[in-house]
Amino acid sequence: MANLAIGKPAPDFSLPAWQKNAQPQQFQFSLSACRGQKVVLAFYPADFTGVCTKEMCDFSDNLSSLKNLNALVVGISTDSIDKHKKFAEQYDLNFPLLADTDKKAGELYGVKVPLLPHRRAIFIIDEQGNLAWQKVELTALFRTEAKEIEKVIRELS
């Protein structure tokens, strides 16, 4: 696992992204461009799988509460932009889905698994670009609910 420390700068990365109802819908996401707001990096194994779909739909359903806390939700998996587009459209997900097809961002955050997709993990980056909170699941069967993330962000403020 990467050596990430709370309060230290979060590793920066840039990845292709898809966001339903955004202009343009396909774009390049850069973590460093998000300074001034909190970022919830939600690494997940794969689009269209049971737990991942529930997790991403939960974030989508609670998006306005997280936005009210000045937090941007970003989903990251090893799936392609085309698959993210279909996933976002089918489940009406309206936040960026990033395509970490080469697993470089996953490696930076210690969620890369050899021969498998990413581990499920949540990282909260503060307005200055520092790691504020993290939770990495050892198995993909467990997920963190958006309400828990909302509570953590309130406690960090």
C-alpha atoms as a PDB file:
ATOM      1  CA  MET A   1       0.000   0.000   0.000  1.00  0.00           C
ATOM      2  CA  ALA A   2       1.139   3.536  -0.729  1.00  0.00           C
ATOM      3  CA  ASN A   3       2.483   5.524   2.181  1.00  0.00           C
ATOM      4  CA  LEU A   4      -0.279   8.124   2.533  1.00  0.00           C
ATOM      5  CA  ALA A   5      -0.406  10.280   5.628  1.00  0.00           C
ATOM      6  CA  ILE A   6      -3.315  12.342   6.914  1.00  0.00           C
ATOM      7  CA  GLY A   7      -2.506  16.047   6.641  1.00  0.00           C
ATOM      8  CA  LYS A   8       0.080  15.537   3.885  1.00  0.00           C
ATOM      9  CA  PRO A   9      -0.438  16.452   0.206  1.00  0.00           C
ATOM     10  CA  ALA A  10      -2.601  13.969  -1.666  1.00  0.00           C
ATOM     11  CA  PRO A  11      -0.936  12.478  -4.740  1.00  0.00           C
ATOM     12  CA  ASP A  12      -1.982  14.429  -7.817  1.00  0.00           C
ATOM     13  CA  PHE A  13      -3.132  12.698 -10.990  1.00  0.00           C
ATOM     14  CA  SER A  14      -4.927  13.410 -14.229  1.00  0.00           C
ATOM     15  CA  LEU A  15      -7.354  10.926 -15.843  1.00  0.00           C
ATOM     16  CA  PRO A  16      -9.944  10.847 -18.603  1.00  0.00           C
ATOM     17  CA  ALA A  17     -13.432  11.325 -17.182  1.00  0.00           C
ATOM     18  CA  TRP A  18     -17.087  11.122 -18.141  1.00  0.00           C
ATOM     19  CA  GLN A  19     -19.906  13.070 -16.538  1.00  0.00           C
ATOM     20  CA  LYS A  20     -23.525  12.947 -17.592  1.00  0.00           C
ATOM     21  CA  ASN A  21     -24.982  16.417 -18.267  1.00  0.00           C
ATOM     22  CA  ALA A  22     -21.551  18.090 -18.133  1.00  0.00           C
ATOM     23  CA  GLN A  23     -20.091  20.161 -20.961  1.00  0.00           C
ATOM     24  CA  PRO A  24     -18.094  18.569 -22.349  1.00  0.00           C
ATOM     25  CA  GLN A  25     -19.247  15.165 -21.135  1.00  0.00           C
ATOM     26  CA  GLN A  26     -15.807  13.630 -21.725  1.00  0.00           C
ATOM     27  CA  PHE A  27     -12.902  15.594 -20.261  1.00  0.00           C
ATOM     28  CA  GLN A  28      -9.583  15.318 -18.476  1.00  0.00           C
ATOM     29  CA  PHE A  29      -9.944  15.405 -14.672  1.00  0.00           C
ATOM     30  CA  SER A  30      -7.020  16.715 -12.629  1.00  0.00           C
ATOM     31  CA  LEU A  31      -7.043  16.552  -8.830  1.00  0.00           C
ATOM     32  CA  SER A  32      -4.898  19.703  -8.562  1.00  0.00           C
ATOM     33  CA  ALA A  33      -7.615  21.662 -10.421  1.00  0.00           C
ATOM     34  CA  CYS A  34      -9.996  20.997  -7.507  1.00  0.00           C
ATOM     35  CA  ARG A  35      -8.247  23.193  -4.942  1.00  0.00           C
ATOM     36  CA  GLY A  36     -10.737  25.210  -2.926  1.00  0.00           C
ATOM     37  CA  GLN A  37     -13.188  22.352  -2.471  1.00  0.00           C
ATOM     38  CA  LYS A  38     -13.173  18.980  -0.771  1.00  0.00           C
ATOM     39  CA  VAL A  39     -12.872  15.960  -3.047  1.00  0.00           C
ATOM     40  CA  VAL A  40     -14.268  12.521  -2.255  1.00  0.00           C
ATOM     41  CA  LEU A  41     -12.237  10.023  -4.285  1.00  0.00           C
ATOM     42  CA  ALA A  42     -14.303   6.840  -4.457  1.00  0.00           C
ATOM     43  CA  PHE A  43     -12.224   4.003  -5.905  1.00  0.00           C
ATOM     44  CA  TYR A  44     -14.384   1.034  -6.845  1.00  0.00           C
ATOM     45  CA  PRO A  45     -13.715  -2.261  -8.651  1.00  0.00           C
ATOM     46  CA  ALA A  46     -16.077  -2.146 -11.655  1.00  0.00           C
ATOM     47  CA  ASP A  47     -19.151  -0.644 -13.290  1.00  0.00           C
ATOM     48  CA  PHE A  48     -22.347  -2.713 -13.378  1.00  0.00           C
ATOM     49  CA  THR A  49     -21.436  -4.977 -10.440  1.00  0.00           C
ATOM     50  CA  GLY A  50     -23.790  -5.357  -7.475  1.00  0.00           C
ATOM     51  CA  VAL A  51     -21.954  -3.609  -4.653  1.00  0.00           C
ATOM     52  CA  CYS A  52     -20.334  -1.000  -6.921  1.00  0.00           C
ATOM     53  CA  THR A  53     -23.677  -0.060  -8.463  1.00  0.00           C
ATOM     54  CA  LYS A  54     -25.256   0.311  -5.008  1.00  0.00           C
ATOM     55  CA  GLU A  55     -22.308   2.435  -3.846  1.00  0.00           C
ATOM     56  CA  MET A  56     -22.301   4.775  -6.832  1.00  0.00           C
ATOM     57  CA  CYS A  57     -26.113   5.122  -6.765  1.00  0.00           C
ATOM     58  CA  ASP A  58     -25.921   5.936  -3.038  1.00  0.00           C
ATOM     59  CA  PHE A  59     -23.428   8.724  -3.767  1.00  0.00           C
ATOM     60  CA  SER A  60     -25.640   9.990  -6.580  1.00  0.00           C
ATOM     61  CA  ASP A  61     -28.725   9.966  -4.331  1.00  0.00           C
ATOM     62  CA  ASN A  62     -26.846  11.974  -1.677  1.00  0.00           C
ATOM     63  CA  LEU A  63     -24.944  14.256  -4.040  1.00  0.00           C
ATOM     64  CA  SER A  64     -26.751  17.460  -3.077  1.00  0.00           C
ATOM     65  CA  SER A  65     -25.923  16.969   0.637  1.00  0.00           C
ATOM     66  CA  LEU A  66     -22.259  16.474  -0.218  1.00  0.00           C
ATOM     67  CA  LYS A  67     -22.246  19.467  -2.584  1.00  0.00           C
ATOM     68  CA  ASN A  68     -23.703  21.582   0.239  1.00  0.00           C
ATOM     69  CA  LEU A  69     -20.539  20.700   2.202  1.00  0.00           C
ATOM     70  CA  ASN A  70     -18.382  21.962  -0.721  1.00  0.00           C
ATOM     71  CA  ALA A  71     -17.473  18.382  -1.647  1.00  0.00           C
ATOM     72  CA  LEU A  72     -17.038  16.985  -5.135  1.00  0.00           C
ATOM     73  CA  VAL A  73     -17.614  13.231  -5.531  1.00  0.00           C
ATOM     74  CA  VAL A  74     -15.434  11.432  -8.071  1.00  0.00           C
ATOM     75  CA  GLY A  75     -15.786   7.734  -8.915  1.00  0.00           C
ATOM     76  CA  ILE A  76     -12.635   5.943 -10.122  1.00  0.00           C
ATOM     77  CA  SER A  77     -12.372   2.468 -11.589  1.00  0.00           C
ATOM     78  CA  THR A  78     -10.282   0.676 -14.180  1.00  0.00           C
ATOM     79  CA  ASP A  79     -13.208   0.636 -16.622  1.00  0.00           C
ATOM     80  CA  SER A  80     -13.111   2.526 -19.931  1.00  0.00           C
ATOM     81  CA  ILE A  81     -14.792   5.848 -20.686  1.00  0.00           C
ATOM     82  CA  ASP A  82     -17.300   4.025 -22.926  1.00  0.00           C
ATOM     83  CA  LYS A  83     -18.307   1.717 -20.078  1.00  0.00           C
ATOM     84  CA  HIS A  84     -18.525   4.685 -17.661  1.00  0.00           C
ATOM     85  CA  LYS A  85     -20.816   6.473 -20.134  1.00  0.00           C
ATOM     86  CA  LYS A  86     -23.218   3.514 -20.258  1.00  0.00           C
ATOM     87  CA  PHE A  87     -23.051   3.092 -16.458  1.00  0.00           C
ATOM     88  CA  ALA A  88     -23.738   6.793 -15.781  1.00  0.00           C
ATOM     89  CA  GLU A  89     -26.598   6.910 -18.243  1.00  0.00           C
ATOM     90  CA  GLN A  90     -28.248   3.697 -17.037  1.00  0.00           C
ATOM     91  CA  TYR A  91     -28.141   4.698 -13.352  1.00  0.00           C
ATOM     92  CA  ASP A  92     -28.435   8.484 -13.787  1.00  0.00           C
ATOM     93  CA  LEU A  93     -25.086   9.148 -12.070  1.00  0.00           C
ATOM     94  CA  ASN A  94     -24.264  12.849 -12.270  1.00  0.00           C
ATOM     95  CA  PHE A  95     -20.717  13.073 -10.990  1.00  0.00           C
ATOM     96  CA  PRO A  96     -17.407  12.396 -12.759  1.00  0.00           C
ATOM     97  CA  LEU A  97     -16.414   8.784 -13.398  1.00  0.00           C
ATOM     98  CA  LEU A  98     -12.688   8.480 -14.052  1.00  0.00           C
ATOM     99  CA  ALA A  99     -11.051   5.813 -16.197  1.00  0.00           C
ATOM    100  CA  ASP A 100      -7.874   4.591 -14.486  1.00  0.00           C
ATOM    101  CA  THR A 101      -7.280   1.955 -17.164  1.00  0.00           C
ATOM    102  CA  ASP A 102      -3.531   1.786 -16.522  1.00  0.00           C
ATOM    103  CA  LYS A 103      -4.038   1.751 -12.708  1.00  0.00           C
ATOM    104  CA  LYS A 104      -1.576   4.623 -12.140  1.00  0.00           C
ATOM    105  CA  ALA A 105      -3.917   6.559  -9.830  1.00  0.00           C
ATOM    106  CA  GLY A 106      -4.743   3.323  -8.031  1.00  0.00           C
ATOM    107  CA  GLU A 107      -1.046   2.742  -7.500  1.00  0.00           C
ATOM    108  CA  LEU A 108      -0.559   6.269  -6.103  1.00  0.00           C
ATOM    109  CA  TYR A 109      -3.324   5.623  -3.568  1.00  0.00           C
ATOM    110  CA  GLY A 110      -2.358   2.059  -2.704  1.00  0.00           C
ATOM    111  CA  VAL A 111      -5.507   0.446  -4.088  1.00  0.00           C
ATOM    112  CA  LYS A 112      -3.950  -1.262  -7.112  1.00  0.00           C
ATOM    113  CA  VAL A 113      -4.284  -5.041  -6.996  1.00  0.00           C
ATOM    114  CA  PRO A 114      -2.258  -7.230  -9.399  1.00  0.00           C
ATOM    115  CA  LEU A 115      -4.412  -8.864 -12.092  1.00  0.00           C
ATOM    116  CA  LEU A 116      -7.627  -7.448 -10.544  1.00  0.00           C
ATOM    117  CA  PRO A 117      -9.470  -4.115 -10.527  1.00  0.00           C
ATOM    118  CA  HIS A 118      -8.907  -1.557  -7.745  1.00  0.00           C
ATOM    119  CA  ARG A 119      -9.715  -2.206  -4.121  1.00  0.00           C
ATOM    120  CA  ARG A 120     -12.758  -0.331  -2.883  1.00  0.00           C
ATOM    121  CA  ALA A 121     -11.571   2.789  -1.047  1.00  0.00           C
ATOM    122  CA  ILE A 122     -12.591   6.324  -0.116  1.00  0.00           C
ATOM    123  CA  PHE A 123     -10.173   9.222   0.258  1.00  0.00           C
ATOM    124  CA  ILE A 124     -11.255  12.703   1.311  1.00  0.00           C
ATOM    125  CA  ILE A 125      -8.987  15.490   0.111  1.00  0.00           C
ATOM    126  CA  ASP A 126      -9.330  18.887   1.809  1.00  0.00           C
ATOM    127  CA  GLU A 127      -9.538  22.294   0.124  1.00  0.00           C
ATOM    128  CA  GLN A 128      -5.746  22.696   0.213  1.00  0.00           C
ATOM    129  CA  GLY A 129      -5.141  19.350  -1.500  1.00  0.00           C
ATOM    130  CA  ASN A 130      -4.143  17.417   1.634  1.00  0.00           C
ATOM    131  CA  LEU A 131      -5.369  13.967   2.580  1.00  0.00           C
ATOM    132  CA  ALA A 132      -7.968  14.456   5.331  1.00  0.00           C
ATOM    133  CA  TRP A 133      -9.426  10.933   5.700  1.00  0.00           C
ATOM    134  CA  GLN A 134      -9.122   7.487   4.171  1.00  0.00           C
ATOM    135  CA  LYS A 135     -10.751   4.087   4.303  1.00  0.00           C
ATOM    136  CA  VAL A 136      -9.530   1.145   2.232  1.00  0.00           C
ATOM    137  CA  GLU A 137     -11.592  -2.042   2.236  1.00  0.00           C
ATOM    138  CA  LEU A 138      -9.752  -5.364   2.282  1.00  0.00           C
ATOM    139  CA  THR A 139     -12.595  -7.007   0.378  1.00  0.00           C
ATOM    140  CA  ALA A 140     -14.828  -5.551  -2.334  1.00  0.00           C
ATOM    141  CA  LEU A 141     -17.948  -6.830  -0.542  1.00  0.00           C
ATOM    142  CA  PHE A 142     -18.042  -3.895   1.879  1.00  0.00           C
ATOM    143  CA  ARG A 143     -18.774  -0.284   1.025  1.00  0.00           C
ATOM    144  CA  THR A 144     -18.906   3.060   2.770  1.00  0.00           C
ATOM    145  CA  GLU A 145     -22.267   4.818   2.632  1.00  0.00           C
ATOM    146  CA  ALA A 146     -22.566   8.427   1.523  1.00  0.00           C
ATOM    147  CA  LYS A 147     -24.159   9.399   4.865  1.00  0.00           C
ATOM    148  CA  GLU A 148     -21.003   8.197   6.641  1.00  0.00           C
ATOM    149  CA  ILE A 149     -18.876  10.328   4.299  1.00  0.00           C
ATOM    150  CA  GLU A 150     -21.159  13.293   4.946  1.00  0.00           C
ATOM    151  CA  LYS A 151     -20.717  12.807   8.708  1.00  0.00           C
ATOM    152  CA  VAL A 152     -16.916  12.578   8.349  1.00  0.00           C
ATOM    153  CA  ILE A 153     -16.797  15.776   6.281  1.00  0.00           C
ATOM    154  CA  ARG A 154     -18.882  17.627   8.878  1.00  0.00           C
ATOM    155  CA  GLU A 155     -16.516  16.449  11.624  1.00  0.00           C
ATOM    156  CA  LEU A 156     -13.467  17.538   9.604  1.00  0.00           C
ATOM    157  CA  SER A 157     -14.856  21.058   9.078  1.00  0.00           C
END
